Amino acid sequence: MHWFHTSGFVLGSFLMTGLAYGNEDTPLKAPDKDKNKPAVAGQPATAVHNFLKQYDKSERGYVEKGDLPKFAQKQFDELDDNKDGKLSTEELQKHKDKVQCWADIAERRRARLVVAGSFLGRIATNEQPGREVMQTIYDVFQNIDRDADGKIDRAEWDATCQAISEWRANAMLDRQGVGPDGKVSKAQARGRLLRHFDEFDLNHDGFVDRDELVKLFGGKVQPAKKVSIKEGEK
C-alpha cells in the first residue's frame, strides 16, 4: 500500500476531521440532566421536543423508522416498546437519553461537514497546490475503492483504516529502533511513546508491542496464522 505513504496526509486530514469531533462509536458522556427537564410541567423534554421538530415534518406527534437518519434507524426497534412501527412522544420521552445521544451524533456530523467544507473551499480557491492536492485525494480514494464500482463500501473503508492503524504502529516501532515484531520497554522508549507508556502498555507487562499499538490506533489485531509442520520436518 505504497500509495498511503505518499498521500497519507490527505486521507489523514479527512480522518482527523472526524476524530476532532469524536467517533460515533465512542460512548457519549451522560446527557446534561437540565437539557431534558420539561420547560413546563406536562410538556415533552427539550431534547425530545427538538427531535420531533426536526424529524416529525408532518407534525403527527410521532416518527417512523423512515423519518430517521440511518444511524438512528438501527436502534429504532429498541425504542419502539409497543412494536407499532412508531416512536411516540411517550416512547421518546422514556428513552430521552438515547434521543439526546442521537442529537449529539447528528451535531457531530454537521460539525464535520463544516470543517470538511472549509478544507475543500480553501483548496478550491488556490489552484497551486490545490489542484495537486485534489488529484492526490482522487488517487487515494481510487485505491480505497478496490472493486472500482465508484463507491467506498464498509469493507473497503474498514480495510483502509486497518492498514492505516498497522502503518502507524510500524512507524512508531521503527522510530524506537525496533522492527514490527519487536517490543519496547519503558527504559528503551522515547518521545511520545515514553510520555504515554503506561497508557500504551495495555496488558501492563512492562512492554509495548505492535498489537497494543494497532489497537490504540483503532485497528484490530490479526490472529497469527497457523503454520503446519510437514511430516518429516522438526
C-alpha atoms as a PDB file:
ATOM      1  CA  MET A   1       0.000   0.000   0.000  1.00  0.00           C
ATOM      2  CA  HIS A   2       2.727   2.416  -1.059  1.00  0.00           C
ATOM      3  CA  TRP A   3       0.138   4.996  -2.081  1.00  0.00           C
ATOM      4  CA  PHE A   4      -0.611   5.619   1.594  1.00  0.00           C
ATOM      5  CA  HIS A   5       2.962   6.608   2.356  1.00  0.00           C
ATOM      6  CA  THR A   6       2.909   9.364  -0.270  1.00  0.00           C
ATOM      7  CA  SER A   7      -0.608  10.672   0.275  1.00  0.00           C
ATOM      8  CA  GLY A   8      -1.438   9.721   3.829  1.00  0.00           C
ATOM      9  CA  PHE A   9      -1.571  13.369   4.871  1.00  0.00           C
ATOM     10  CA  VAL A  10      -4.608  13.888   2.654  1.00  0.00           C
ATOM     11  CA  LEU A  11      -6.553  10.938   3.990  1.00  0.00           C
ATOM     12  CA  GLY A  12      -5.385  11.877   7.461  1.00  0.00           C
ATOM     13  CA  SER A  13      -6.987  15.284   7.046  1.00  0.00           C
ATOM     14  CA  PHE A  14     -10.358  13.654   6.476  1.00  0.00           C
ATOM     15  CA  LEU A  15      -9.869  11.187   9.312  1.00  0.00           C
ATOM     16  CA  MET A  16      -8.882  13.962  11.682  1.00  0.00           C
ATOM     17  CA  THR A  17     -11.991  15.858  10.621  1.00  0.00           C
ATOM     18  CA  GLY A  18     -13.926  13.043  12.229  1.00  0.00           C
ATOM     19  CA  LEU A  19     -11.586  12.491  15.159  1.00  0.00           C
ATOM     20  CA  ALA A  20     -11.665  16.147  16.107  1.00  0.00           C
ATOM     21  CA  TYR A  21     -15.329  15.806  16.878  1.00  0.00           C
ATOM     22  CA  GLY A  22     -15.262  12.287  18.264  1.00  0.00           C
ATOM     23  CA  ASN A  23     -16.143   8.929  16.842  1.00  0.00           C
ATOM     24  CA  GLU A  24     -19.774   7.923  16.534  1.00  0.00           C
ATOM     25  CA  ASP A  25     -18.944   4.563  18.064  1.00  0.00           C
ATOM     26  CA  THR A  26     -17.368   6.226  21.092  1.00  0.00           C
ATOM     27  CA  PRO A  27     -19.588   6.131  24.178  1.00  0.00           C
ATOM     28  CA  LEU A  28     -21.076   9.544  24.717  1.00  0.00           C
ATOM     29  CA  LYS A  29     -20.985  11.214  28.096  1.00  0.00           C
ATOM     30  CA  ALA A  30     -24.202  11.237  30.069  1.00  0.00           C
ATOM     31  CA  PRO A  31     -26.500  13.993  28.835  1.00  0.00           C
ATOM     32  CA  ASP A  32     -26.866  17.119  30.906  1.00  0.00           C
ATOM     33  CA  LYS A  33     -29.903  16.461  33.043  1.00  0.00           C
ATOM     34  CA  ASP A  34     -31.031  20.063  32.703  1.00  0.00           C
ATOM     35  CA  LYS A  35     -31.343  19.574  28.946  1.00  0.00           C
ATOM     36  CA  ASN A  36     -34.079  17.027  29.444  1.00  0.00           C
ATOM     37  CA  LYS A  37     -36.111  18.846  32.050  1.00  0.00           C
ATOM     38  CA  PRO A  38     -39.510  19.950  30.719  1.00  0.00           C
ATOM     39  CA  ALA A  39     -39.827  23.704  30.446  1.00  0.00           C
ATOM     40  CA  VAL A  40     -43.442  23.408  31.531  1.00  0.00           C
ATOM     41  CA  ALA A  41     -44.999  20.606  33.535  1.00  0.00           C
ATOM     42  CA  GLY A  42     -46.579  18.014  31.254  1.00  0.00           C
ATOM     43  CA  GLN A  43     -44.624  19.144  28.185  1.00  0.00           C
ATOM     44  CA  PRO A  44     -42.018  16.973  26.437  1.00  0.00           C
ATOM     45  CA  ALA A  45     -38.383  17.388  27.430  1.00  0.00           C
ATOM     46  CA  THR A  46     -36.337  19.809  25.373  1.00  0.00           C
ATOM     47  CA  ALA A  47     -34.302  17.085  23.621  1.00  0.00           C
ATOM     48  CA  VAL A  48     -37.479  15.188  22.682  1.00  0.00           C
ATOM     49  CA  HIS A  49     -39.267  18.348  21.581  1.00  0.00           C
ATOM     50  CA  ASN A  50     -36.370  19.350  19.327  1.00  0.00           C
ATOM     51  CA  PHE A  51     -36.092  15.803  17.984  1.00  0.00           C
ATOM     52  CA  LEU A  52     -39.760  15.740  16.947  1.00  0.00           C
ATOM     53  CA  LYS A  53     -39.461  19.213  15.475  1.00  0.00           C
ATOM     54  CA  GLN A  54     -36.615  18.063  13.270  1.00  0.00           C
ATOM     55  CA  TYR A  55     -37.873  14.640  12.144  1.00  0.00           C
ATOM     56  CA  ASP A  56     -41.676  14.784  12.512  1.00  0.00           C
ATOM     57  CA  LYS A  57     -42.164  17.003   9.472  1.00  0.00           C
ATOM     58  CA  SER A  58     -45.925  16.340   9.306  1.00  0.00           C
ATOM     59  CA  GLU A  59     -46.412  17.154  13.000  1.00  0.00           C
ATOM     60  CA  ARG A  60     -48.092  13.815  13.698  1.00  0.00           C
ATOM     61  CA  GLY A  61     -46.702  13.542  17.215  1.00  0.00           C
ATOM     62  CA  TYR A  62     -44.570  10.502  16.351  1.00  0.00           C
ATOM     63  CA  VAL A  63     -41.809   9.367  13.989  1.00  0.00           C
ATOM     64  CA  GLU A  64     -41.458   6.239  11.889  1.00  0.00           C
ATOM     65  CA  LYS A  65     -38.229   4.444  11.025  1.00  0.00           C
ATOM     66  CA  GLY A  66     -38.041   6.022   7.564  1.00  0.00           C
ATOM     67  CA  ASP A  67     -38.135   9.513   9.090  1.00  0.00           C
ATOM     68  CA  LEU A  68     -34.832   8.982  10.899  1.00  0.00           C
ATOM     69  CA  PRO A  69     -31.209   9.034   9.690  1.00  0.00           C
ATOM     70  CA  LYS A  70     -29.682   5.613   9.074  1.00  0.00           C
ATOM     71  CA  PHE A  71     -27.599   5.555  12.253  1.00  0.00           C
ATOM     72  CA  ALA A  72     -30.783   6.021  14.328  1.00  0.00           C
ATOM     73  CA  GLN A  73     -32.805   3.514  12.291  1.00  0.00           C
ATOM     74  CA  LYS A  74     -30.515   0.730  13.526  1.00  0.00           C
ATOM     75  CA  GLN A  75     -31.771   1.252  17.088  1.00  0.00           C
ATOM     76  CA  PHE A  76     -35.383   2.043  16.229  1.00  0.00           C
ATOM     77  CA  ASP A  77     -36.777  -1.314  17.351  1.00  0.00           C
ATOM     78  CA  GLU A  78     -35.133  -0.990  20.772  1.00  0.00           C
ATOM     79  CA  LEU A  79     -37.129   2.179  21.465  1.00  0.00           C
ATOM     80  CA  ASP A  80     -40.389   1.018  19.888  1.00  0.00           C
ATOM     81  CA  ASP A  81     -41.754  -0.530  23.075  1.00  0.00           C
ATOM     82  CA  ASN A  82     -45.229  -1.414  21.754  1.00  0.00           C
ATOM     83  CA  LYS A  83     -43.877  -2.557  18.361  1.00  0.00           C
ATOM     84  CA  ASP A  84     -46.357  -0.462  16.377  1.00  0.00           C
ATOM     85  CA  GLY A  85     -43.699   0.856  13.985  1.00  0.00           C
ATOM     86  CA  LYS A  86     -43.811   4.346  15.512  1.00  0.00           C
ATOM     87  CA  LEU A  87     -41.939   6.203  18.196  1.00  0.00           C
ATOM     88  CA  SER A  88     -44.459   8.255  20.125  1.00  0.00           C
ATOM     89  CA  THR A  89     -43.716  11.249  22.311  1.00  0.00           C
ATOM     90  CA  GLU A  90     -44.108   8.997  25.333  1.00  0.00           C
ATOM     91  CA  GLU A  91     -41.628   6.424  23.995  1.00  0.00           C
ATOM     92  CA  LEU A  92     -39.122   9.122  23.069  1.00  0.00           C
ATOM     93  CA  GLN A  93     -39.500  10.686  26.500  1.00  0.00           C
ATOM     94  CA  LYS A  94     -38.941   7.276  28.138  1.00  0.00           C
ATOM     95  CA  HIS A  95     -35.712   6.867  26.145  1.00  0.00           C
ATOM     96  CA  LYS A  96     -34.706  10.530  26.287  1.00  0.00           C
ATOM     97  CA  ASP A  97     -31.049   9.690  26.978  1.00  0.00           C
ATOM     98  CA  LYS A  98     -30.859   7.800  23.667  1.00  0.00           C
ATOM     99  CA  VAL A  99     -32.640  10.667  21.912  1.00  0.00           C
ATOM    100  CA  GLN A 100     -30.029  13.059  23.292  1.00  0.00           C
ATOM    101  CA  CYS A 101     -27.246  10.755  22.052  1.00  0.00           C
ATOM    102  CA  TRP A 102     -28.808  10.781  18.572  1.00  0.00           C
ATOM    103  CA  ALA A 103     -28.917  14.574  18.675  1.00  0.00           C
ATOM    104  CA  ASP A 104     -25.243  14.675  19.676  1.00  0.00           C
ATOM    105  CA  ILE A 105     -24.271  12.361  16.812  1.00  0.00           C
ATOM    106  CA  ALA A 106     -26.204  14.491  14.318  1.00  0.00           C
ATOM    107  CA  GLU A 107     -24.439  17.596  15.628  1.00  0.00           C
ATOM    108  CA  ARG A 108     -21.052  15.909  15.239  1.00  0.00           C
ATOM    109  CA  ARG A 109     -21.846  15.088  11.633  1.00  0.00           C
ATOM    110  CA  ARG A 110     -22.867  18.677  10.922  1.00  0.00           C
ATOM    111  CA  ALA A 111     -19.644  19.920  12.525  1.00  0.00           C
ATOM    112  CA  ARG A 112     -17.555  17.553  10.392  1.00  0.00           C
ATOM    113  CA  LEU A 113     -19.279  18.759   7.236  1.00  0.00           C
ATOM    114  CA  VAL A 114     -18.488  22.361   8.148  1.00  0.00           C
ATOM    115  CA  VAL A 115     -14.798  21.558   8.697  1.00  0.00           C
ATOM    116  CA  ALA A 116     -14.563  19.424   5.547  1.00  0.00           C
ATOM    117  CA  GLY A 117     -16.316  22.132   3.525  1.00  0.00           C
ATOM    118  CA  SER A 118     -13.899  24.741   4.798  1.00  0.00           C
ATOM    119  CA  PHE A 119     -10.919  22.497   3.967  1.00  0.00           C
ATOM    120  CA  LEU A 120     -12.123  21.848   0.420  1.00  0.00           C
ATOM    121  CA  GLY A 121     -13.065  25.510  -0.009  1.00  0.00           C
ATOM    122  CA  ARG A 122      -9.525  26.642   0.710  1.00  0.00           C
ATOM    123  CA  ILE A 123      -8.200  24.143  -1.824  1.00  0.00           C
ATOM    124  CA  ALA A 124     -10.706  25.203  -4.470  1.00  0.00           C
ATOM    125  CA  THR A 125      -9.701  28.873  -4.248  1.00  0.00           C
ATOM    126  CA  ASN A 126      -5.991  28.165  -4.641  1.00  0.00           C
ATOM    127  CA  GLU A 127      -5.072  26.293  -7.813  1.00  0.00           C
ATOM    128  CA  GLN A 128      -1.471  25.739  -6.694  1.00  0.00           C
ATOM    129  CA  PRO A 129      -1.083  23.482  -4.813  1.00  0.00           C
ATOM    130  CA  GLY A 130      -4.859  22.989  -4.598  1.00  0.00           C
ATOM    131  CA  ARG A 131      -5.117  21.144  -7.892  1.00  0.00           C
ATOM    132  CA  GLU A 132      -2.352  18.735  -6.914  1.00  0.00           C
ATOM    133  CA  VAL A 133      -3.994  18.071  -3.545  1.00  0.00           C
ATOM    134  CA  MET A 134      -7.320  17.314  -5.202  1.00  0.00           C
ATOM    135  CA  GLN A 135      -5.574  14.964  -7.624  1.00  0.00           C
ATOM    136  CA  THR A 136      -3.985  13.204  -4.661  1.00  0.00           C
ATOM    137  CA  ILE A 137      -7.383  12.884  -2.964  1.00  0.00           C
ATOM    138  CA  TYR A 138      -8.765  11.363  -6.173  1.00  0.00           C
ATOM    139  CA  ASP A 139      -5.868   8.896  -6.365  1.00  0.00           C
ATOM    140  CA  VAL A 140      -6.248   7.923  -2.709  1.00  0.00           C
ATOM    141  CA  PHE A 141      -9.935   7.182  -2.996  1.00  0.00           C
ATOM    142  CA  GLN A 142      -9.412   5.222  -6.182  1.00  0.00           C
ATOM    143  CA  ASN A 143      -7.049   2.989  -4.227  1.00  0.00           C
ATOM    144  CA  ILE A 144      -9.601   2.580  -1.439  1.00  0.00           C
ATOM    145  CA  ASP A 145     -12.301   1.644  -3.968  1.00  0.00           C
ATOM    146  CA  ARG A 146     -10.823  -1.788  -4.594  1.00  0.00           C
ATOM    147  CA  ASP A 147     -13.671  -3.133  -6.733  1.00  0.00           C
ATOM    148  CA  ALA A 148     -13.766   0.093  -8.817  1.00  0.00           C
ATOM    149  CA  ASP A 149     -17.544   0.458  -8.521  1.00  0.00           C
ATOM    150  CA  GLY A 150     -17.348   4.179  -7.772  1.00  0.00           C
ATOM    151  CA  LYS A 151     -18.324   3.667  -4.138  1.00  0.00           C
ATOM    152  CA  ILE A 152     -16.474   3.081  -0.891  1.00  0.00           C
ATOM    153  CA  ASP A 153     -18.304   0.338   0.975  1.00  0.00           C
ATOM    154  CA  ARG A 154     -17.878  -0.591   4.617  1.00  0.00           C
ATOM    155  CA  ALA A 155     -15.450  -3.424   3.927  1.00  0.00           C
ATOM    156  CA  GLU A 156     -13.203  -1.170   1.821  1.00  0.00           C
ATOM    157  CA  TRP A 157     -13.225   1.562   4.450  1.00  0.00           C
ATOM    158  CA  ASP A 158     -12.514  -0.881   7.284  1.00  0.00           C
ATOM    159  CA  ALA A 159      -9.608  -2.349   5.302  1.00  0.00           C
ATOM    160  CA  THR A 160      -8.179   1.134   4.779  1.00  0.00           C
ATOM    161  CA  CYS A 161      -8.491   2.087   8.452  1.00  0.00           C
ATOM    162  CA  GLN A 162      -6.855  -1.218   9.396  1.00  0.00           C
ATOM    163  CA  ALA A 163      -3.958  -0.529   7.023  1.00  0.00           C
ATOM    164  CA  ILE A 164      -3.513   2.954   8.493  1.00  0.00           C
ATOM    165  CA  SER A 165      -3.507   1.581  12.055  1.00  0.00           C
ATOM    166  CA  GLU A 166      -0.873  -1.015  11.156  1.00  0.00           C
ATOM    167  CA  TRP A 167       1.224   1.546   9.286  1.00  0.00           C
ATOM    168  CA  ARG A 168       1.174   3.924  12.272  1.00  0.00           C
ATOM    169  CA  ALA A 169       2.120   1.108  14.651  1.00  0.00           C
ATOM    170  CA  ASN A 170       5.023   0.002  12.457  1.00  0.00           C
ATOM    171  CA  ALA A 171       6.203   3.598  12.043  1.00  0.00           C
ATOM    172  CA  MET A 172       6.233   4.190  15.796  1.00  0.00           C
ATOM    173  CA  LEU A 173       8.181   0.995  16.428  1.00  0.00           C
ATOM    174  CA  ASP A 174      10.607   1.934  13.669  1.00  0.00           C
ATOM    175  CA  ARG A 175      11.236   5.288  15.360  1.00  0.00           C
ATOM    176  CA  GLN A 176      12.047   3.379  18.543  1.00  0.00           C
ATOM    177  CA  GLY A 177      14.724   1.434  16.673  1.00  0.00           C
ATOM    178  CA  VAL A 178      12.932  -1.921  16.664  1.00  0.00           C
ATOM    179  CA  GLY A 179      11.128  -3.822  13.930  1.00  0.00           C
ATOM    180  CA  PRO A 180       7.385  -4.551  13.791  1.00  0.00           C
ATOM    181  CA  ASP A 181       7.891  -7.838  15.650  1.00  0.00           C
ATOM    182  CA  GLY A 182       9.814  -6.205  18.489  1.00  0.00           C
ATOM    183  CA  LYS A 183       8.846  -4.927  21.911  1.00  0.00           C
ATOM    184  CA  VAL A 184       9.802  -1.694  23.627  1.00  0.00           C
ATOM    185  CA  SER A 185      10.408  -1.397  27.356  1.00  0.00           C
ATOM    186  CA  LYS A 186       9.957   1.841  29.246  1.00  0.00           C
ATOM    187  CA  ALA A 187      13.736   2.172  29.556  1.00  0.00           C
ATOM    188  CA  GLN A 188      14.046   1.958  25.736  1.00  0.00           C
ATOM    189  CA  ALA A 189      11.083   4.182  24.906  1.00  0.00           C
ATOM    190  CA  ARG A 190      11.452   7.764  23.813  1.00  0.00           C
ATOM    191  CA  GLY A 191       9.313  10.626  22.575  1.00  0.00           C
ATOM    192  CA  ARG A 192       5.560  10.189  22.551  1.00  0.00           C
ATOM    193  CA  LEU A 193       5.802   6.513  23.462  1.00  0.00           C
ATOM    194  CA  LEU A 194       7.739   7.348  26.615  1.00  0.00           C
ATOM    195  CA  ARG A 195       5.324  10.114  27.601  1.00  0.00           C
ATOM    196  CA  HIS A 196       2.305   7.801  27.285  1.00  0.00           C
ATOM    197  CA  PHE A 197       3.988   4.480  28.013  1.00  0.00           C
ATOM    198  CA  ASP A 198       1.678   3.378  30.834  1.00  0.00           C
ATOM    199  CA  GLU A 199      -1.378   4.112  28.681  1.00  0.00           C
ATOM    200  CA  PHE A 200       0.055   2.254  25.675  1.00  0.00           C
ATOM    201  CA  ASP A 201       1.056  -0.792  27.734  1.00  0.00           C
ATOM    202  CA  LEU A 202      -2.426  -2.269  27.630  1.00  0.00           C
ATOM    203  CA  ASN A 203      -1.592  -5.596  29.277  1.00  0.00           C
ATOM    204  CA  HIS A 204       0.744  -3.970  31.843  1.00  0.00           C
ATOM    205  CA  ASP A 205       3.586  -6.381  31.154  1.00  0.00           C
ATOM    206  CA  GLY A 206       6.220  -3.645  31.057  1.00  0.00           C
ATOM    207  CA  PHE A 207       6.499  -3.665  27.249  1.00  0.00           C
ATOM    208  CA  VAL A 208       4.630  -2.056  24.349  1.00  0.00           C
ATOM    209  CA  ASP A 209       4.325  -4.223  21.261  1.00  0.00           C
ATOM    210  CA  ARG A 210       2.800  -3.897  17.800  1.00  0.00           C
ATOM    211  CA  ASP A 211      -0.538  -5.456  18.732  1.00  0.00           C
ATOM    212  CA  GLU A 212      -1.052  -2.920  21.508  1.00  0.00           C
ATOM    213  CA  LEU A 213      -0.233  -0.034  19.176  1.00  0.00           C
ATOM    214  CA  VAL A 214      -2.560  -1.331  16.457  1.00  0.00           C
ATOM    215  CA  LYS A 215      -5.401  -1.463  18.993  1.00  0.00           C
ATOM    216  CA  LEU A 216      -4.631   2.030  20.247  1.00  0.00           C
ATOM    217  CA  PHE A 217      -4.678   3.397  16.713  1.00  0.00           C
ATOM    218  CA  GLY A 218      -8.135   1.925  16.105  1.00  0.00           C
ATOM    219  CA  GLY A 219      -7.222  -1.286  14.312  1.00  0.00           C
ATOM    220  CA  LYS A 220      -7.861  -4.941  15.014  1.00  0.00           C
ATOM    221  CA  VAL A 221      -5.179  -7.411  15.877  1.00  0.00           C
ATOM    222  CA  GLN A 222      -4.954 -10.058  13.197  1.00  0.00           C
ATOM    223  CA  PRO A 223      -4.748 -13.615  14.569  1.00  0.00           C
ATOM    224  CA  ALA A 224      -1.460 -15.342  13.927  1.00  0.00           C
ATOM    225  CA  LYS A 225      -1.528 -17.767  11.030  1.00  0.00           C
ATOM    226  CA  LYS A 226      -1.136 -21.403  11.954  1.00  0.00           C
ATOM    227  CA  VAL A 227       1.906 -22.977  10.353  1.00  0.00           C
ATOM    228  CA  SER A 228       1.559 -26.656   9.685  1.00  0.00           C
ATOM    229  CA  ILE A 229       4.622 -28.827  10.145  1.00  0.00           C
ATOM    230  CA  LYS A 230       5.059 -31.223   7.303  1.00  0.00           C
ATOM    231  CA  GLU A 231       5.778 -34.832   8.051  1.00  0.00           C
ATOM    232  CA  GLY A 232       9.476 -35.330   8.480  1.00  0.00           C
ATOM    233  CA  GLU A 233      10.159 -31.717   9.496  1.00  0.00           C
ATOM    234  CA  LYS A 234      11.119 -30.809  13.032  1.00  0.00           C
END
